[in-house]
Amino acid sequence: MKKFRGKKRYFRNLWDIIESFDLEIDNESWFNFSHTHLDFYAVGEHTIKIRREHIKAHIALYDVILKQLETFGKPYQSWICIHKNDPGLDAVYIHSPNPYNNCFPYKNEELNWACEIPKTFKDLIDLDKFNFSYYEFGEVYYIQSKDKGIAL
């Protein structure tokens, strides 16, 4: 694998994206499984350290989104998906009633809420603040706020 150069600049730009993120919510806003990938090119495949930084970034973005959704005034769901084997698919999701989709609220009955958090990022998840689950079929970890939005 080719050496990852420019890490400082890359992560500085990544955190700038998070700090300036704006949902642009207004009275007409809605979300249809809208999501944001922070590691679109799967840079997190290089090392576990880089993967952990991306997971931290997704959690920080999730906090920013939850803060902005406080003014939304409509029901919503929001969560983070961390893919076990493909960091390029990791994303923060928002879903609400919308004109194109009638499956709100989204429910996934196959989520395992009693799963173990992988030790590689266990210290990044605050279990007082978040619920954590695992979807075996897609090999995806779900992180969701305990007290904001509608549960999955």
N, C-alpha and C. Protein backbone atom coordinates (compact mmCIF):
# COMPACT_ATOMS: atom_id res chain seq x y z
N MET A 1 0.84 -1.17 0.00
CA MET A 1 0.00 0.00 0.00
C MET A 1 0.90 1.25 0.00
N LYS A 2 0.54 2.21 -0.78
CA LYS A 2 1.30 3.44 -0.90
C LYS A 2 1.27 4.22 0.41
N LYS A 3 2.39 4.85 0.76
CA LYS A 3 2.48 5.62 2.00
C LYS A 3 1.52 6.81 1.96
N PHE A 4 0.86 7.04 3.09
CA PHE A 4 -0.09 8.15 3.22
C PHE A 4 0.66 9.41 3.62
N ARG A 5 0.80 10.32 2.69
CA ARG A 5 1.53 11.57 2.94
C ARG A 5 0.54 12.72 3.16
N GLY A 6 1.00 13.71 3.90
CA GLY A 6 0.16 14.90 4.14
C GLY A 6 -0.90 14.67 5.19
N LYS A 7 -0.62 13.82 6.19
CA LYS A 7 -1.62 13.50 7.22
C LYS A 7 -2.07 14.72 8.00
N LYS A 8 -1.11 15.58 8.37
CA LYS A 8 -1.47 16.77 9.17
C LYS A 8 -2.48 17.63 8.42
N ARG A 9 -2.19 17.92 7.17
CA ARG A 9 -3.08 18.73 6.35
C ARG A 9 -4.42 18.03 6.15
N TYR A 10 -4.37 16.73 5.89
CA TYR A 10 -5.59 15.95 5.67
C TYR A 10 -6.51 16.05 6.88
N PHE A 11 -5.98 15.80 8.08
CA PHE A 11 -6.82 15.82 9.27
C PHE A 11 -7.21 17.24 9.67
N ARG A 12 -6.37 18.23 9.40
CA ARG A 12 -6.75 19.63 9.64
C ARG A 12 -7.95 19.99 8.75
N ASN A 13 -7.92 19.59 7.50
CA ASN A 13 -9.04 19.84 6.59
C ASN A 13 -10.29 19.07 7.01
N LEU A 14 -10.10 17.83 7.48
CA LEU A 14 -11.22 17.03 7.95
C LEU A 14 -11.92 17.72 9.12
N TRP A 15 -11.16 18.18 10.10
CA TRP A 15 -11.75 18.86 11.26
C TRP A 15 -12.36 20.20 10.88
N ASP A 16 -11.81 20.87 9.87
CA ASP A 16 -12.43 22.11 9.37
C ASP A 16 -13.82 21.82 8.80
N ILE A 17 -13.97 20.72 8.10
CA ILE A 17 -15.27 20.31 7.54
C ILE A 17 -16.27 20.12 8.68
N ILE A 18 -15.85 19.46 9.72
CA ILE A 18 -16.75 19.20 10.86
C ILE A 18 -17.15 20.50 11.54
N GLU A 19 -16.19 21.36 11.79
CA GLU A 19 -16.46 22.62 12.50
C GLU A 19 -17.34 23.56 11.70
N SER A 20 -17.29 23.48 10.37
CA SER A 20 -18.09 24.38 9.53
C SER A 20 -19.34 23.71 8.98
N PHE A 21 -19.63 22.49 9.39
CA PHE A 21 -20.77 21.75 8.86
C PHE A 21 -22.08 22.45 9.20
N ASP A 22 -22.96 22.58 8.19
CA ASP A 22 -24.24 23.26 8.39
C ASP A 22 -25.33 22.48 7.64
N LEU A 23 -26.34 22.05 8.39
CA LEU A 23 -27.46 21.33 7.78
C LEU A 23 -28.40 22.26 7.00
N GLU A 24 -28.32 23.55 7.23
CA GLU A 24 -29.18 24.53 6.57
C GLU A 24 -30.66 24.17 6.75
N ILE A 25 -31.06 24.00 8.00
CA ILE A 25 -32.43 23.63 8.33
C ILE A 25 -33.36 24.83 8.21
N ASP A 26 -34.51 24.60 7.55
CA ASP A 26 -35.57 25.60 7.51
C ASP A 26 -36.91 24.89 7.68
N ASN A 27 -38.01 25.60 7.53
CA ASN A 27 -39.35 25.02 7.73
C ASN A 27 -39.69 23.92 6.73
N GLU A 28 -39.05 23.92 5.59
CA GLU A 28 -39.34 22.93 4.54
C GLU A 28 -38.37 21.75 4.56
N SER A 29 -37.44 21.73 5.48
CA SER A 29 -36.40 20.69 5.50
C SER A 29 -36.96 19.31 5.82
N TRP A 30 -36.34 18.31 5.23
CA TRP A 30 -36.61 16.91 5.53
C TRP A 30 -35.36 16.12 5.13
N PHE A 31 -35.28 14.88 5.60
CA PHE A 31 -34.12 14.05 5.34
C PHE A 31 -34.57 12.64 4.96
N ASN A 32 -34.02 12.12 3.89
CA ASN A 32 -34.35 10.78 3.41
C ASN A 32 -33.06 9.93 3.46
N PHE A 33 -32.73 9.44 4.64
CA PHE A 33 -31.49 8.71 4.85
C PHE A 33 -30.29 9.52 4.35
N SER A 34 -30.33 10.82 4.57
CA SER A 34 -29.21 11.68 4.20
C SER A 34 -27.99 11.26 5.01
N HIS A 35 -26.84 11.25 4.39
CA HIS A 35 -25.66 10.83 5.12
C HIS A 35 -24.42 11.54 4.62
N THR A 36 -23.43 11.59 5.51
CA THR A 36 -22.17 12.24 5.21
C THR A 36 -21.03 11.27 5.52
N HIS A 37 -20.20 11.02 4.52
CA HIS A 37 -19.00 10.19 4.67
C HIS A 37 -17.82 11.12 4.93
N LEU A 38 -17.02 10.80 5.92
CA LEU A 38 -15.81 11.59 6.16
C LEU A 38 -14.55 10.91 5.65
N ASP A 39 -14.64 9.63 5.36
CA ASP A 39 -13.50 8.86 4.87
C ASP A 39 -13.88 8.20 3.55
N PHE A 40 -14.36 9.00 2.62
CA PHE A 40 -14.90 8.49 1.37
C PHE A 40 -13.89 7.64 0.60
N TYR A 41 -12.61 7.98 0.71
CA TYR A 41 -11.59 7.25 -0.05
C TYR A 41 -10.94 6.13 0.77
N ALA A 42 -11.54 5.79 1.91
CA ALA A 42 -11.08 4.69 2.77
C ALA A 42 -9.63 4.83 3.20
N VAL A 43 -9.24 6.04 3.54
CA VAL A 43 -7.90 6.29 4.06
C VAL A 43 -7.68 5.52 5.36
N GLY A 44 -8.75 5.26 6.09
CA GLY A 44 -8.67 4.53 7.35
C GLY A 44 -8.18 3.10 7.22
N GLU A 45 -8.08 2.61 5.99
CA GLU A 45 -7.55 1.26 5.78
C GLU A 45 -6.04 1.20 6.03
N HIS A 46 -5.36 2.35 6.01
CA HIS A 46 -3.90 2.37 6.15
C HIS A 46 -3.45 1.83 7.50
N THR A 47 -3.98 2.39 8.58
CA THR A 47 -3.59 1.96 9.93
C THR A 47 -4.78 2.11 10.87
N ILE A 48 -4.69 1.42 12.00
CA ILE A 48 -5.76 1.51 12.99
C ILE A 48 -5.79 2.92 13.59
N LYS A 49 -4.64 3.57 13.68
CA LYS A 49 -4.57 4.94 14.22
C LYS A 49 -5.38 5.90 13.33
N ILE A 50 -5.22 5.77 12.04
CA ILE A 50 -5.96 6.63 11.11
C ILE A 50 -7.44 6.27 11.15
N ARG A 51 -7.75 4.99 11.26
CA ARG A 51 -9.16 4.57 11.36
C ARG A 51 -9.81 5.16 12.61
N ARG A 52 -9.09 5.12 13.73
CA ARG A 52 -9.61 5.68 14.99
C ARG A 52 -9.86 7.18 14.86
N GLU A 53 -8.97 7.88 14.19
CA GLU A 53 -9.17 9.33 14.00
C GLU A 53 -10.44 9.61 13.20
N HIS A 54 -10.71 8.77 12.21
CA HIS A 54 -11.94 8.95 11.44
C HIS A 54 -13.18 8.64 12.28
N ILE A 55 -13.10 7.63 13.12
CA ILE A 55 -14.23 7.33 14.00
C ILE A 55 -14.47 8.49 14.96
N LYS A 56 -13.39 9.05 15.52
CA LYS A 56 -13.53 10.25 16.37
C LYS A 56 -14.19 11.38 15.59
N ALA A 57 -13.78 11.55 14.35
CA ALA A 57 -14.35 12.61 13.51
C ALA A 57 -15.83 12.37 13.25
N HIS A 58 -16.23 11.14 13.00
CA HIS A 58 -17.65 10.84 12.78
C HIS A 58 -18.46 11.12 14.05
N ILE A 59 -17.91 10.79 15.20
CA ILE A 59 -18.61 11.07 16.46
C ILE A 59 -18.73 12.58 16.67
N ALA A 60 -17.68 13.32 16.37
CA ALA A 60 -17.72 14.78 16.50
C ALA A 60 -18.75 15.38 15.54
N LEU A 61 -18.78 14.89 14.30
CA LEU A 61 -19.78 15.37 13.34
C LEU A 61 -21.18 15.04 13.82
N TYR A 62 -21.37 13.86 14.37
CA TYR A 62 -22.66 13.46 14.91
C TYR A 62 -23.11 14.43 16.01
N ASP A 63 -22.20 14.81 16.88
CA ASP A 63 -22.53 15.79 17.93
C ASP A 63 -22.94 17.13 17.32
N VAL A 64 -22.23 17.57 16.29
CA VAL A 64 -22.57 18.83 15.61
C VAL A 64 -23.97 18.73 15.00
N ILE A 65 -24.25 17.62 14.34
CA ILE A 65 -25.56 17.42 13.70
C ILE A 65 -26.67 17.39 14.74
N LEU A 66 -26.46 16.68 15.84
CA LEU A 66 -27.48 16.62 16.89
C LEU A 66 -27.76 18.01 17.46
N LYS A 67 -26.73 18.80 17.61
CA LYS A 67 -26.91 20.18 18.11
C LYS A 67 -27.75 20.99 17.12
N GLN A 68 -27.49 20.85 15.84
CA GLN A 68 -28.24 21.59 14.83
C GLN A 68 -29.68 21.08 14.71
N LEU A 69 -29.88 19.79 14.94
CA LEU A 69 -31.23 19.22 14.85
C LEU A 69 -32.13 19.67 16.00
N GLU A 70 -31.57 20.27 17.04
CA GLU A 70 -32.39 20.77 18.15
C GLU A 70 -33.39 21.82 17.68
N THR A 71 -33.08 22.50 16.59
CA THR A 71 -33.97 23.53 16.04
C THR A 71 -34.87 22.99 14.92
N PHE A 72 -34.77 21.71 14.63
CA PHE A 72 -35.50 21.12 13.51
C PHE A 72 -37.01 21.16 13.71
N GLY A 73 -37.48 20.84 14.89
CA GLY A 73 -38.91 20.93 15.19
C GLY A 73 -39.77 19.82 14.61
N LYS A 74 -39.16 18.80 14.03
CA LYS A 74 -39.89 17.66 13.48
C LYS A 74 -39.23 16.39 14.03
N PRO A 75 -39.94 15.26 13.99
CA PRO A 75 -39.30 14.02 14.44
C PRO A 75 -38.18 13.64 13.48
N TYR A 76 -37.16 13.01 14.02
CA TYR A 76 -36.03 12.59 13.19
C TYR A 76 -35.32 11.42 13.85
N GLN A 77 -34.50 10.77 13.06
CA GLN A 77 -33.58 9.75 13.53
C GLN A 77 -32.20 10.13 13.02
N SER A 78 -31.21 9.87 13.82
CA SER A 78 -29.83 10.11 13.39
C SER A 78 -28.94 9.06 14.05
N TRP A 79 -27.94 8.60 13.32
CA TRP A 79 -27.04 7.59 13.84
C TRP A 79 -25.75 7.60 13.04
N ILE A 80 -24.77 6.88 13.57
CA ILE A 80 -23.48 6.69 12.91
C ILE A 80 -23.38 5.22 12.52
N CYS A 81 -22.93 4.96 11.32
CA CYS A 81 -22.62 3.60 10.89
C CYS A 81 -21.11 3.47 10.73
N ILE A 82 -20.53 2.48 11.42
CA ILE A 82 -19.11 2.18 11.29
C ILE A 82 -19.02 0.77 10.70
N HIS A 83 -18.53 0.68 9.49
CA HIS A 83 -18.44 -0.61 8.81
C HIS A 83 -17.19 -1.36 9.24
N LYS A 84 -17.38 -2.60 9.56
CA LYS A 84 -16.29 -3.42 10.10
C LYS A 84 -15.11 -3.52 9.13
N ASN A 85 -15.40 -3.69 7.85
CA ASN A 85 -14.33 -3.97 6.89
C ASN A 85 -14.13 -2.91 5.81
N ASP A 86 -14.91 -1.85 5.80
CA ASP A 86 -14.77 -0.84 4.76
C ASP A 86 -14.98 0.57 5.32
N PRO A 87 -13.89 1.21 5.76
CA PRO A 87 -14.03 2.55 6.35
C PRO A 87 -14.58 3.60 5.38
N GLY A 88 -14.50 3.34 4.10
CA GLY A 88 -15.05 4.29 3.13
C GLY A 88 -16.56 4.38 3.19
N LEU A 89 -17.21 3.40 3.79
CA LEU A 89 -18.67 3.41 3.91
C LEU A 89 -19.16 4.00 5.23
N ASP A 90 -18.26 4.28 6.17
CA ASP A 90 -18.66 4.88 7.44
C ASP A 90 -19.35 6.21 7.17
N ALA A 91 -20.42 6.49 7.93
CA ALA A 91 -21.16 7.72 7.68
C ALA A 91 -22.03 8.08 8.87
N VAL A 92 -22.46 9.34 8.88
CA VAL A 92 -23.45 9.82 9.83
C VAL A 92 -24.75 10.02 9.06
N TYR A 93 -25.85 9.45 9.56
CA TYR A 93 -27.14 9.46 8.88
C TYR A 93 -28.16 10.33 9.59
N ILE A 94 -29.07 10.90 8.79
CA ILE A 94 -30.24 11.62 9.31
C ILE A 94 -31.43 11.15 8.49
N HIS A 95 -32.54 10.89 9.18
CA HIS A 95 -33.76 10.45 8.51
C HIS A 95 -34.95 11.10 9.19
N SER A 96 -35.91 11.53 8.41
CA SER A 96 -37.12 12.16 8.95
C SER A 96 -38.28 11.88 8.00
N PRO A 97 -39.49 12.23 8.41
CA PRO A 97 -40.59 12.12 7.45
C PRO A 97 -40.24 12.94 6.20
N ASN A 98 -40.55 12.39 5.03
CA ASN A 98 -40.18 13.08 3.79
C ASN A 98 -41.14 12.68 2.69
N PRO A 99 -41.19 13.44 1.60
CA PRO A 99 -42.15 13.16 0.54
C PRO A 99 -41.83 11.93 -0.31
N TYR A 100 -40.65 11.36 -0.18
CA TYR A 100 -40.25 10.26 -1.05
C TYR A 100 -40.23 8.90 -0.37
N ASN A 101 -40.38 8.87 0.92
CA ASN A 101 -40.18 7.62 1.63
C ASN A 101 -41.17 7.51 2.77
N ASN A 102 -41.87 6.41 2.85
CA ASN A 102 -42.85 6.26 3.92
C ASN A 102 -42.36 5.35 5.04
N CYS A 103 -41.08 4.99 5.07
CA CYS A 103 -40.59 4.10 6.12
C CYS A 103 -39.94 4.90 7.25
N PHE A 104 -40.67 5.88 7.72
CA PHE A 104 -40.22 6.60 8.91
C PHE A 104 -41.16 6.27 10.04
N PRO A 105 -40.68 5.94 11.20
CA PRO A 105 -39.27 5.80 11.55
C PRO A 105 -38.69 4.49 11.04
N TYR A 106 -37.41 4.54 10.69
CA TYR A 106 -36.69 3.36 10.24
C TYR A 106 -36.46 2.44 11.44
N LYS A 107 -36.78 1.19 11.27
CA LYS A 107 -36.56 0.18 12.31
C LYS A 107 -35.78 -0.98 11.71
N ASN A 108 -34.76 -1.41 12.40
CA ASN A 108 -34.00 -2.59 11.98
C ASN A 108 -34.06 -3.58 13.13
N GLU A 109 -34.91 -4.57 13.00
CA GLU A 109 -35.14 -5.55 14.06
C GLU A 109 -33.94 -6.48 14.25
N GLU A 110 -33.01 -6.48 13.32
CA GLU A 110 -31.87 -7.40 13.39
C GLU A 110 -30.65 -6.80 14.08
N LEU A 111 -30.78 -5.61 14.64
CA LEU A 111 -29.65 -5.01 15.35
C LEU A 111 -29.45 -5.74 16.68
N ASN A 112 -28.21 -6.05 16.97
CA ASN A 112 -27.85 -6.70 18.23
C ASN A 112 -27.39 -5.62 19.21
N TRP A 113 -28.27 -5.29 20.16
CA TRP A 113 -27.97 -4.23 21.13
C TRP A 113 -27.13 -4.73 22.30
N ALA A 114 -26.87 -6.02 22.35
CA ALA A 114 -26.08 -6.59 23.44
C ALA A 114 -24.68 -6.99 22.96
N CYS A 115 -24.22 -6.39 21.90
CA CYS A 115 -22.93 -6.76 21.32
C CYS A 115 -21.77 -6.11 22.08
N GLU A 116 -20.60 -6.65 21.87
CA GLU A 116 -19.37 -6.10 22.43
C GLU A 116 -18.83 -5.02 21.50
N ILE A 117 -18.34 -3.95 22.09
CA ILE A 117 -17.67 -2.91 21.30
C ILE A 117 -16.26 -3.40 21.02
N PRO A 118 -15.81 -3.34 19.77
CA PRO A 118 -14.45 -3.78 19.47
C PRO A 118 -13.43 -2.97 20.28
N LYS A 119 -12.42 -3.65 20.78
CA LYS A 119 -11.45 -2.97 21.65
C LYS A 119 -10.65 -1.91 20.89
N THR A 120 -10.61 -1.99 19.56
CA THR A 120 -9.87 -0.99 18.79
C THR A 120 -10.47 0.40 18.89
N PHE A 121 -11.78 0.49 19.18
CA PHE A 121 -12.37 1.82 19.36
C PHE A 121 -13.32 1.91 20.54
N LYS A 122 -13.19 0.97 21.47
CA LYS A 122 -14.05 0.94 22.65
C LYS A 122 -13.94 2.23 23.47
N ASP A 123 -12.75 2.75 23.61
CA ASP A 123 -12.54 3.95 24.41
C ASP A 123 -13.10 5.22 23.76
N LEU A 124 -13.52 5.14 22.51
CA LEU A 124 -14.06 6.31 21.81
C LEU A 124 -15.57 6.48 22.02
N ILE A 125 -16.25 5.41 22.46
CA ILE A 125 -17.70 5.41 22.60
C ILE A 125 -18.08 5.63 24.06
N ASP A 126 -18.79 6.71 24.32
CA ASP A 126 -19.28 7.01 25.67
C ASP A 126 -20.64 6.33 25.83
N LEU A 127 -20.67 5.22 26.54
CA LEU A 127 -21.90 4.44 26.68
C LEU A 127 -22.93 5.12 27.58
N ASP A 128 -22.56 6.18 28.28
CA ASP A 128 -23.54 6.97 29.03
C ASP A 128 -24.34 7.85 28.07
N LYS A 129 -23.74 8.16 26.95
CA LYS A 129 -24.33 9.07 25.98
C LYS A 129 -24.92 8.36 24.75
N PHE A 130 -24.33 7.21 24.39
CA PHE A 130 -24.71 6.53 23.16
C PHE A 130 -25.17 5.09 23.39
N ASN A 131 -26.07 4.64 22.53
CA ASN A 131 -26.41 3.22 22.41
C ASN A 131 -25.53 2.66 21.31
N PHE A 132 -25.17 1.40 21.44
CA PHE A 132 -24.27 0.77 20.50
C PHE A 132 -24.86 -0.57 20.08
N SER A 133 -24.84 -0.85 18.78
CA SER A 133 -25.37 -2.12 18.30
C SER A 133 -24.56 -2.61 17.09
N TYR A 134 -24.86 -3.84 16.70
CA TYR A 134 -24.16 -4.46 15.58
C TYR A 134 -25.17 -5.15 14.67
N TYR A 135 -25.02 -4.93 13.38
CA TYR A 135 -25.85 -5.58 12.37
C TYR A 135 -24.97 -6.60 11.66
N GLU A 136 -25.18 -7.87 11.97
CA GLU A 136 -24.29 -8.93 11.51
C GLU A 136 -24.29 -9.09 9.99
N PHE A 137 -25.46 -8.98 9.36
CA PHE A 137 -25.55 -9.21 7.92
C PHE A 137 -24.67 -8.23 7.14
N GLY A 138 -24.67 -6.98 7.52
CA GLY A 138 -23.86 -5.99 6.82
C GLY A 138 -22.53 -5.72 7.47
N GLU A 139 -22.27 -6.38 8.62
CA GLU A 139 -21.06 -6.15 9.41
C GLU A 139 -20.88 -4.66 9.68
N VAL A 140 -21.91 -4.08 10.30
CA VAL A 140 -21.94 -2.65 10.56
C VAL A 140 -22.25 -2.40 12.03
N TYR A 141 -21.49 -1.50 12.63
CA TYR A 141 -21.77 -1.05 13.99
C TYR A 141 -22.61 0.22 13.91
N TYR A 142 -23.63 0.31 14.76
CA TYR A 142 -24.49 1.48 14.82
C TYR A 142 -24.28 2.18 16.15
N ILE A 143 -24.12 3.49 16.10
CA ILE A 143 -23.99 4.31 17.29
C ILE A 143 -25.11 5.34 17.22
N GLN A 144 -25.89 5.43 18.30
CA GLN A 144 -27.01 6.37 18.31
C GLN A 144 -27.14 7.02 19.68
N SER A 145 -27.53 8.27 19.68
CA SER A 145 -27.74 9.00 20.92
C SER A 145 -28.84 8.33 21.74
N LYS A 146 -28.64 8.30 23.05
CA LYS A 146 -29.65 7.71 23.94
C LYS A 146 -30.85 8.60 24.12
N ASP A 147 -30.65 9.92 24.00
CA ASP A 147 -31.74 10.83 24.36
C ASP A 147 -32.16 11.81 23.27
N LYS A 148 -31.60 11.70 22.07
CA LYS A 148 -31.99 12.63 21.00
C LYS A 148 -32.45 11.85 19.79
N GLY A 149 -33.58 12.25 19.26
CA GLY A 149 -34.14 11.57 18.09
C GLY A 149 -34.87 10.31 18.47
N ILE A 150 -35.46 9.68 17.47
CA ILE A 150 -36.22 8.44 17.64
C ILE A 150 -35.26 7.26 17.48
N ALA A 151 -35.38 6.29 18.36
CA ALA A 151 -34.47 5.12 18.34
C ALA A 151 -34.70 4.27 17.09
N LEU A 152 -33.64 3.61 16.68
CA LEU A 152 -33.71 2.69 15.54
C LEU A 152 -34.52 1.45 15.90
